[in-house]
């Protein structure tokens, strides 16, 4: 099963900069998860498709669709729990 984390962010977003190191660390640890960064200013159509209204927004998907959506800075433990759920 493919698990993907989509990180919706903007360059001007302060909380997004706080989220980055958490995601960087998880990306090193979870090599089997695809990490995608989506700049909402450049990819508004994708942000609209996923109904992103606040930043940062993290969406974790698997082959069946969206498993979890986080809005705001999210801690590693919560993201890891969603990875486990998505891979189940």
PDB file of N, CA and C in Angstrom:
ATOM      1  N   UNK A   1       0.839  -1.180   0.000  1.00  0.00           N
ATOM      2  CA  UNK A   1       0.000   0.000   0.000  1.00  0.00           C
ATOM      3  C   UNK A   1       0.886   1.247   0.000  1.00  0.00           C
ATOM      4  N   UNK A   2       0.582   2.159  -0.876  1.00  0.00           N
ATOM      5  CA  UNK A   2       1.338   3.402  -0.960  1.00  0.00           C
ATOM      6  C   UNK A   2       0.769   4.418   0.021  1.00  0.00           C
ATOM      7  N   UNK A   3       1.652   4.984   0.846  1.00  0.00           N
ATOM      8  CA  UNK A   3       1.246   6.033   1.786  1.00  0.00           C
ATOM      9  C   UNK A   3       1.931   7.323   1.367  1.00  0.00           C
ATOM     10  N   UNK A   4       1.143   8.398   1.280  1.00  0.00           N
ATOM     11  CA  UNK A   4       1.657   9.698   0.852  1.00  0.00           C
ATOM     12  C   UNK A   4       1.276  10.760   1.867  1.00  0.00           C
ATOM     13  N   UNK A   5       2.220  11.642   2.174  1.00  0.00           N
ATOM     14  CA  UNK A   5       1.938  12.819   2.984  1.00  0.00           C
ATOM     15  C   UNK A   5       2.055  14.032   2.081  1.00  0.00           C
ATOM     16  N   UNK A   6       0.976  14.781   1.956  1.00  0.00           N
ATOM     17  CA  UNK A   6       0.996  16.024   1.192  1.00  0.00           C
ATOM     18  C   UNK A   6       1.089  17.174   2.190  1.00  0.00           C
ATOM     19  N   UNK A   7       2.116  17.993   2.040  1.00  0.00           N
ATOM     20  CA  UNK A   7       2.357  19.141   2.912  1.00  0.00           C
ATOM     21  C   UNK A   7       1.971  20.402   2.140  1.00  0.00           C
ATOM     22  N   UNK A   8       0.823  20.979   2.488  1.00  0.00           N
ATOM     23  CA  UNK A   8       0.372  22.219   1.859  1.00  0.00           C
ATOM     24  C   UNK A   8       0.948  23.383   2.650  1.00  0.00           C
ATOM     25  N   UNK A   9       1.711  24.243   1.956  1.00  0.00           N
ATOM     26  CA  UNK A   9       2.436  25.321   2.627  1.00  0.00           C
ATOM     27  C   UNK A   9       2.505  26.547   1.711  1.00  0.00           C
ATOM     28  N   UNK A  10       3.036  27.638   2.279  1.00  0.00           N
ATOM     29  CA  UNK A  10       3.364  28.831   1.499  1.00  0.00           C
ATOM     30  C   UNK A  10       4.666  29.393   2.060  1.00  0.00           C
ATOM     31  N   UNK A  11       5.437  30.044   1.191  1.00  0.00           N
ATOM     32  CA  UNK A  11       6.734  30.585   1.620  1.00  0.00           C
ATOM     33  C   UNK A  11       6.582  31.633   2.722  1.00  0.00           C
ATOM     34  N   UNK A  12       5.467  32.359   2.751  1.00  0.00           N
ATOM     35  CA  UNK A  12       5.244  33.439   3.716  1.00  0.00           C
ATOM     36  C   UNK A  12       4.652  32.938   5.039  1.00  0.00           C
ATOM     37  N   UNK A  13       4.388  31.654   5.145  1.00  0.00           N
ATOM     38  CA  UNK A  13       3.693  31.078   6.301  1.00  0.00           C
ATOM     39  C   UNK A  13       4.681  30.716   7.413  1.00  0.00           C
ATOM     40  N   UNK A  14       4.620  31.440   8.529  1.00  0.00           N
ATOM     41  CA  UNK A  14       5.505  31.178   9.665  1.00  0.00           C
ATOM     42  C   UNK A  14       5.342  29.789  10.251  1.00  0.00           C
ATOM     43  N   UNK A  15       4.109  29.363  10.573  1.00  0.00           N
ATOM     44  CA  UNK A  15       3.930  28.012  11.122  1.00  0.00           C
ATOM     45  C   UNK A  15       4.424  26.915  10.175  1.00  0.00           C
ATOM     46  N   UNK A  16       4.374  27.177   8.865  1.00  0.00           N
ATOM     47  CA  UNK A  16       4.887  26.188   7.904  1.00  0.00           C
ATOM     48  C   UNK A  16       6.382  25.971   8.108  1.00  0.00           C
ATOM     49  N   UNK A  17       7.085  27.050   8.425  1.00  0.00           N
ATOM     50  CA  UNK A  17       8.532  26.948   8.664  1.00  0.00           C
ATOM     51  C   UNK A  17       8.805  26.150   9.941  1.00  0.00           C
ATOM     52  N   UNK A  18       7.892  26.229  10.904  1.00  0.00           N
ATOM     53  CA  UNK A  18       8.013  25.439  12.131  1.00  0.00           C
ATOM     54  C   UNK A  18       7.767  23.960  11.834  1.00  0.00           C
ATOM     55  N   UNK A  19       6.865  23.683  10.888  1.00  0.00           N
ATOM     56  CA  UNK A  19       6.525  22.299  10.541  1.00  0.00           C
ATOM     57  C   UNK A  19       7.647  21.607   9.772  1.00  0.00           C
ATOM     58  N   UNK A  20       8.395  22.356   8.968  1.00  0.00           N
ATOM     59  CA  UNK A  20       9.407  21.766   8.077  1.00  0.00           C
ATOM     60  C   UNK A  20      10.392  20.823   8.754  1.00  0.00           C
ATOM     61  N   UNK A  21      11.046  21.222   9.863  1.00  0.00           N
ATOM     62  CA  UNK A  21      12.030  20.293  10.456  1.00  0.00           C
ATOM     63  C   UNK A  21      11.403  18.992  10.952  1.00  0.00           C
ATOM     64  N   UNK A  22      10.157  19.057  11.402  1.00  0.00           N
ATOM     65  CA  UNK A  22       9.463  17.844  11.851  1.00  0.00           C
ATOM     66  C   UNK A  22       9.288  16.903  10.660  1.00  0.00           C
ATOM     67  N   UNK A  23       8.860  17.462   9.528  1.00  0.00           N
ATOM     68  CA  UNK A  23       8.650  16.638   8.334  1.00  0.00           C
ATOM     69  C   UNK A  23       9.967  16.112   7.778  1.00  0.00           C
ATOM     70  N   UNK A  24      11.013  16.936   7.825  1.00  0.00           N
ATOM     71  CA  UNK A  24      12.323  16.496   7.335  1.00  0.00           C
ATOM     72  C   UNK A  24      12.810  15.282   8.120  1.00  0.00           C
ATOM     73  N   UNK A  25      12.616  15.327   9.436  1.00  0.00           N
ATOM     74  CA  UNK A  25      13.047  14.210  10.286  1.00  0.00           C
ATOM     75  C   UNK A  25      12.234  12.949   9.978  1.00  0.00           C
ATOM     76  N   UNK A  26      10.927  13.121   9.807  1.00  0.00           N
ATOM     77  CA  UNK A  26      10.079  11.969   9.490  1.00  0.00           C
ATOM     78  C   UNK A  26      10.416  11.380   8.120  1.00  0.00           C
ATOM     79  N   UNK A  27      10.754  12.232   7.169  1.00  0.00           N
ATOM     80  CA  UNK A  27      11.087  11.761   5.816  1.00  0.00           C
ATOM     81  C   UNK A  27      12.322  10.867   5.849  1.00  0.00           C
ATOM     82  N   UNK A  28      13.265  11.177   6.737  1.00  0.00           N
ATOM     83  CA  UNK A  28      14.464  10.338   6.872  1.00  0.00           C
ATOM     84  C   UNK A  28      14.107   8.992   7.496  1.00  0.00           C
ATOM     85  N   UNK A  29      13.184   9.028   8.454  1.00  0.00           N
ATOM     86  CA  UNK A  29      12.830   7.813   9.192  1.00  0.00           C
ATOM     87  C   UNK A  29      11.880   6.908   8.403  1.00  0.00           C
ATOM     88  N   UNK A  30      10.967   7.500   7.660  1.00  0.00           N
ATOM     89  CA  UNK A  30       9.946   6.736   6.936  1.00  0.00           C
ATOM     90  C   UNK A  30      10.219   6.806   5.434  1.00  0.00           C
ATOM     91  N   UNK A  31      11.162   6.011   4.994  1.00  0.00           N
ATOM     92  CA  UNK A  31      11.562   6.032   3.587  1.00  0.00           C
ATOM     93  C   UNK A  31      10.489   5.447   2.675  1.00  0.00           C
ATOM     94  N   UNK A  32       9.570   4.659   3.238  1.00  0.00           N
ATOM     95  CA  UNK A  32       8.519   4.041   2.424  1.00  0.00           C
ATOM     96  C   UNK A  32       7.308   4.959   2.239  1.00  0.00           C
ATOM     97  N   UNK A  33       7.314   6.131   2.885  1.00  0.00           N
ATOM     98  CA  UNK A  33       6.235   7.111   2.733  1.00  0.00           C
ATOM     99  C   UNK A  33       6.686   8.170   1.731  1.00  0.00           C
ATOM    100  N   UNK A  34       5.797   8.505   0.789  1.00  0.00           N
ATOM    101  CA  UNK A  34       6.096   9.567  -0.174  1.00  0.00           C
ATOM    102  C   UNK A  34       5.729  10.904   0.451  1.00  0.00           C
ATOM    103  N   UNK A  35       6.684  11.825   0.476  1.00  0.00           N
ATOM    104  CA  UNK A  35       6.450  13.162   1.001  1.00  0.00           C
ATOM    105  C   UNK A  35       6.366  14.137  -0.169  1.00  0.00           C
ATOM    106  N   UNK A  36       5.251  14.853  -0.262  1.00  0.00           N
ATOM    107  CA  UNK A  36       5.064  15.827  -1.337  1.00  0.00           C
ATOM    108  C   UNK A  36       4.801  17.193  -0.721  1.00  0.00           C
ATOM    109  N   UNK A  37       5.517  18.201  -1.216  1.00  0.00           N
ATOM    110  CA  UNK A  37       5.274  19.569  -0.781  1.00  0.00           C
ATOM    111  C   UNK A  37       4.447  20.263  -1.853  1.00  0.00           C
ATOM    112  N   UNK A  38       3.369  20.925  -1.420  1.00  0.00           N
ATOM    113  CA  UNK A  38       2.488  21.621  -2.349  1.00  0.00           C
ATOM    114  C   UNK A  38       2.438  23.093  -1.941  1.00  0.00           C
ATOM    115  N   UNK A  39       3.045  23.945  -2.768  1.00  0.00           N
ATOM    116  CA  UNK A  39       3.017  25.384  -2.525  1.00  0.00           C
ATOM    117  C   UNK A  39       1.665  25.900  -2.986  1.00  0.00           C
ATOM    118  N   UNK A  40       0.829  26.352  -2.050  1.00  0.00           N
ATOM    119  CA  UNK A  40      -0.544  26.738  -2.385  1.00  0.00           C
ATOM    120  C   UNK A  40      -0.602  27.964  -3.294  1.00  0.00           C
ATOM    121  N   UNK A  41       0.430  28.804  -3.252  1.00  0.00           N
ATOM    122  CA  UNK A  41       0.453  29.973  -4.135  1.00  0.00           C
ATOM    123  C   UNK A  41       0.697  29.567  -5.586  1.00  0.00           C
ATOM    124  N   UNK A  42       1.447  28.492  -5.782  1.00  0.00           N
ATOM    125  CA  UNK A  42       1.780  28.043  -7.132  1.00  0.00           C
ATOM    126  C   UNK A  42       0.822  26.962  -7.646  1.00  0.00           C
ATOM    127  N   UNK A  43       0.192  26.241  -6.734  1.00  0.00           N
ATOM    128  CA  UNK A  43      -0.677  25.126  -7.129  1.00  0.00           C
ATOM    129  C   UNK A  43      -2.053  25.268  -6.478  1.00  0.00           C
ATOM    130  N   UNK A  44      -2.714  26.378  -6.791  1.00  0.00           N
ATOM    131  CA  UNK A  44      -4.013  26.663  -6.186  1.00  0.00           C
ATOM    132  C   UNK A  44      -5.063  25.611  -6.552  1.00  0.00           C
ATOM    133  N   UNK A  45      -4.951  25.052  -7.755  1.00  0.00           N
ATOM    134  CA  UNK A  45      -5.929  24.037  -8.165  1.00  0.00           C
ATOM    135  C   UNK A  45      -5.860  22.801  -7.280  1.00  0.00           C
ATOM    136  N   UNK A  46      -4.632  22.396  -6.917  1.00  0.00           N
ATOM    137  CA  UNK A  46      -4.474  21.229  -6.037  1.00  0.00           C
ATOM    138  C   UNK A  46      -4.993  21.565  -4.636  1.00  0.00           C
ATOM    139  N   UNK A  47      -4.673  22.764  -4.147  1.00  0.00           N
ATOM    140  CA  UNK A  47      -5.158  23.188  -2.829  1.00  0.00           C
ATOM    141  C   UNK A  47      -6.686  23.215  -2.804  1.00  0.00           C
ATOM    142  N   UNK A  48      -7.297  23.690  -3.874  1.00  0.00           N
ATOM    143  CA  UNK A  48      -8.760  23.720  -3.950  1.00  0.00           C
ATOM    144  C   UNK A  48      -9.344  22.310  -3.995  1.00  0.00           C
ATOM    145  N   UNK A  49      -8.686  21.438  -4.755  1.00  0.00           N
ATOM    146  CA  UNK A  49      -9.154  20.050  -4.857  1.00  0.00           C
ATOM    147  C   UNK A  49      -9.215  19.391  -3.480  1.00  0.00           C
ATOM    148  N   UNK A  50      -8.221  19.692  -2.633  1.00  0.00           N
ATOM    149  CA  UNK A  50      -8.157  19.109  -1.294  1.00  0.00           C
ATOM    150  C   UNK A  50      -8.831  20.001  -0.238  1.00  0.00           C
ATOM    151  N   UNK A  51      -9.471  21.083  -0.692  1.00  0.00           N
ATOM    152  CA  UNK A  51     -10.193  21.999   0.197  1.00  0.00           C
ATOM    153  C   UNK A  51      -9.320  22.520   1.329  1.00  0.00           C
ATOM    154  N   UNK A  52      -8.105  22.944   0.974  1.00  0.00           N
ATOM    155  CA  UNK A  52      -7.172  23.493   1.955  1.00  0.00           C
ATOM    156  C   UNK A  52      -7.552  24.949   2.207  1.00  0.00           C
ATOM    157  N   UNK A  53      -7.838  25.281   3.468  1.00  0.00           N
ATOM    158  CA  UNK A  53      -8.253  26.636   3.837  1.00  0.00           C
ATOM    159  C   UNK A  53      -7.281  27.301   4.803  1.00  0.00           C
ATOM    160  N   UNK A  54      -6.459  26.514   5.492  1.00  0.00           N
ATOM    161  CA  UNK A  54      -5.503  27.038   6.469  1.00  0.00           C
ATOM    162  C   UNK A  54      -4.165  26.357   6.265  1.00  0.00           C
ATOM    163  N   UNK A  55      -3.107  27.030   6.700  1.00  0.00           N
ATOM    164  CA  UNK A  55      -1.751  26.492   6.549  1.00  0.00           C
ATOM    165  C   UNK A  55      -1.068  26.425   7.905  1.00  0.00           C
ATOM    166  N   UNK A  56      -0.180  25.453   8.069  1.00  0.00           N
ATOM    167  CA  UNK A  56       0.026  24.320   7.173  1.00  0.00           C
ATOM    168  C   UNK A  56      -1.110  23.307   7.295  1.00  0.00           C
ATOM    169  N   UNK A  57      -1.370  22.611   6.208  1.00  0.00           N
ATOM    170  CA  UNK A  57      -2.295  21.477   6.209  1.00  0.00           C
ATOM    171  C   UNK A  57      -1.518  20.262   5.722  1.00  0.00           C
ATOM    172  N   UNK A  58      -1.614  19.185   6.468  1.00  0.00           N
ATOM    173  CA  UNK A  58      -0.990  17.924   6.091  1.00  0.00           C
ATOM    174  C   UNK A  58      -2.094  16.931   5.799  1.00  0.00           C
ATOM    175  N   UNK A  59      -2.007  16.270   4.661  1.00  0.00           N
ATOM    176  CA  UNK A  59      -2.982  15.245   4.307  1.00  0.00           C
ATOM    177  C   UNK A  59      -2.232  13.945   4.078  1.00  0.00           C
ATOM    178  N   UNK A  60      -2.665  12.915   4.791  1.00  0.00           N
ATOM    179  CA  UNK A  60      -2.051  11.596   4.653  1.00  0.00           C
ATOM    180  C   UNK A  60      -3.039  10.713   3.909  1.00  0.00           C
ATOM    181  N   UNK A  61      -2.564  10.134   2.809  1.00  0.00           N
ATOM    182  CA  UNK A  61      -3.396   9.310   1.940  1.00  0.00           C
ATOM    183  C   UNK A  61      -2.775   7.935   1.783  1.00  0.00           C
ATOM    184  N   UNK A  62      -3.645   6.970   1.465  1.00  0.00           N
ATOM    185  CA  UNK A  62      -3.173   5.681   0.981  1.00  0.00           C
ATOM    186  C   UNK A  62      -3.957   5.356  -0.281  1.00  0.00           C
ATOM    187  N   UNK A  63      -3.868   4.130  -0.733  1.00  0.00           N
ATOM    188  CA  UNK A  63      -4.528   3.747  -1.982  1.00  0.00           C
ATOM    189  C   UNK A  63      -6.047   3.901  -1.912  1.00  0.00           C
ATOM    190  N   UNK A  64      -6.594   3.906  -0.705  1.00  0.00           N
ATOM    191  CA  UNK A  64      -8.039   4.021  -0.527  1.00  0.00           C
ATOM    192  C   UNK A  64      -8.524   5.461  -0.429  1.00  0.00           C
ATOM    193  N   UNK A  65      -7.593   6.422  -0.307  1.00  0.00           N
ATOM    194  CA  UNK A  65      -7.985   7.827  -0.196  1.00  0.00           C
ATOM    195  C   UNK A  65      -7.378   8.477   1.037  1.00  0.00           C
ATOM    196  N   UNK A  66      -8.007   9.570   1.466  1.00  0.00           N
ATOM    197  CA  UNK A  66      -7.486  10.345   2.604  1.00  0.00           C
ATOM    198  C   UNK A  66      -7.724   9.579   3.904  1.00  0.00           C
ATOM    199  N   UNK A  67      -6.652   9.434   4.683  1.00  0.00           N
ATOM    200  CA  UNK A  67      -6.716   8.745   5.966  1.00  0.00           C
ATOM    201  C   UNK A  67      -6.818   9.769   7.098  1.00  0.00           C
ATOM    202  N   UNK A  68      -6.052  10.849   6.990  1.00  0.00           N
ATOM    203  CA  UNK A  68      -5.994  11.838   8.064  1.00  0.00           C
ATOM    204  C   UNK A  68      -5.672  13.202   7.488  1.00  0.00           C
ATOM    205  N   UNK A  69      -6.220  14.244   8.124  1.00  0.00           N
ATOM    206  CA  UNK A  69      -5.953  15.633   7.741  1.00  0.00           C
ATOM    207  C   UNK A  69      -5.580  16.376   9.016  1.00  0.00           C
ATOM    208  N   UNK A  70      -4.456  17.063   8.981  1.00  0.00           N
ATOM    209  CA  UNK A  70      -4.015  17.872  10.109  1.00  0.00           C
ATOM    210  C   UNK A  70      -3.946  19.328   9.660  1.00  0.00           C
ATOM    211  N   UNK A  71      -4.457  20.228  10.479  1.00  0.00           N
ATOM    212  CA  UNK A  71      -4.387  21.655  10.193  1.00  0.00           C
ATOM    213  C   UNK A  71      -3.617  22.315  11.326  1.00  0.00           C
ATOM    214  N   UNK A  72      -2.613  23.113  10.959  1.00  0.00           N
ATOM    215  CA  UNK A  72      -1.740  23.723  11.962  1.00  0.00           C
ATOM    216  C   UNK A  72      -0.504  22.863  12.163  1.00  0.00           C
ATOM    217  N   UNK A  73       0.416  23.367  12.965  1.00  0.00           N
ATOM    218  CA  UNK A  73       1.660  22.633  13.221  1.00  0.00           C
ATOM    219  C   UNK A  73       1.312  21.338  13.948  1.00  0.00           C
ATOM    220  N   UNK A  74       1.780  20.230  13.402  1.00  0.00           N
ATOM    221  CA  UNK A  74       1.447  18.903  13.915  1.00  0.00           C
ATOM    222  C   UNK A  74       2.716  18.208  14.389  1.00  0.00           C
ATOM    223  N   UNK A  75       2.638  17.599  15.560  1.00  0.00           N
ATOM    224  CA  UNK A  75       3.796  16.931  16.140  1.00  0.00           C
ATOM    225  C   UNK A  75       4.038  15.579  15.468  1.00  0.00           C
ATOM    226  N   UNK A  76       5.291  15.132  15.533  1.00  0.00           N
ATOM    227  CA  UNK A  76       5.715  13.901  14.869  1.00  0.00           C
ATOM    228  C   UNK A  76       4.889  12.697  15.326  1.00  0.00           C
ATOM    229  N   UNK A  77       4.562  12.628  16.629  1.00  0.00           N
ATOM    230  CA  UNK A  77       3.850  11.464  17.152  1.00  0.00           C
ATOM    231  C   UNK A  77       2.482  11.309  16.475  1.00  0.00           C
ATOM    232  N   UNK A  78       1.797  12.435  16.254  1.00  0.00           N
ATOM    233  CA  UNK A  78       0.478  12.380  15.624  1.00  0.00           C
ATOM    234  C   UNK A  78       0.586  11.940  14.162  1.00  0.00           C
ATOM    235  N   UNK A  79       1.602  12.427  13.484  1.00  0.00           N
ATOM    236  CA  UNK A  79       1.813  12.050  12.085  1.00  0.00           C
ATOM    237  C   UNK A  79       2.168  10.567  11.990  1.00  0.00           C
ATOM    238  N   UNK A  80       3.025  10.100  12.903  1.00  0.00           N
ATOM    239  CA  UNK A  80       3.412   8.685  12.899  1.00  0.00           C
ATOM    240  C   UNK A  80       2.207   7.785  13.145  1.00  0.00           C
ATOM    241  N   UNK A  81       1.321   8.196  14.022  1.00  0.00           N
ATOM    242  CA  UNK A  81       0.113   7.396  14.297  1.00  0.00           C
ATOM    243  C   UNK A  81      -0.740   7.302  13.030  1.00  0.00           C
ATOM    244  N   UNK A  82      -0.814   8.397  12.275  1.00  0.00           N
ATOM    245  CA  UNK A  82      -1.576   8.389  11.025  1.00  0.00           C
ATOM    246  C   UNK A  82      -0.905   7.490   9.988  1.00  0.00           C
ATOM    247  N   UNK A  83       0.432   7.474   9.972  1.00  0.00           N
ATOM    248  CA  UNK A  83       1.147   6.574   9.059  1.00  0.00           C
ATOM    249  C   UNK A  83       0.775   5.117   9.357  1.00  0.00           C
ATOM    250  N   UNK A  84       0.732   4.774  10.643  1.00  0.00           N
ATOM    251  CA  UNK A  84       0.387   3.402  11.040  1.00  0.00           C
ATOM    252  C   UNK A  84      -1.027   3.058  10.585  1.00  0.00           C
ATOM    253  N   UNK A  85      -1.935   4.000  10.771  1.00  0.00           N
ATOM    254  CA  UNK A  85      -3.335   3.789  10.367  1.00  0.00           C
ATOM    255  C   UNK A  85      -3.421   3.640   8.842  1.00  0.00           C
ATOM    256  N   UNK A  86      -2.674   4.449   8.105  1.00  0.00           N
ATOM    257  CA  UNK A  86      -2.727   4.424   6.642  1.00  0.00           C
ATOM    258  C   UNK A  86      -2.144   3.139   6.073  1.00  0.00           C
ATOM    259  N   UNK A  87      -1.216   2.553   6.802  1.00  0.00           N
ATOM    260  CA  UNK A  87      -0.520   1.364   6.302  1.00  0.00           C
ATOM    261  C   UNK A  87      -1.210   0.073   6.739  1.00  0.00           C
ATOM    262  N   UNK A  88      -2.236   0.202   7.551  1.00  0.00           N
ATOM    263  CA  UNK A  88      -2.917  -0.979   8.104  1.00  0.00           C
ATOM    264  C   UNK A  88      -3.704  -1.729   7.039  1.00  0.00           C
TER     265      UNK A  88
END
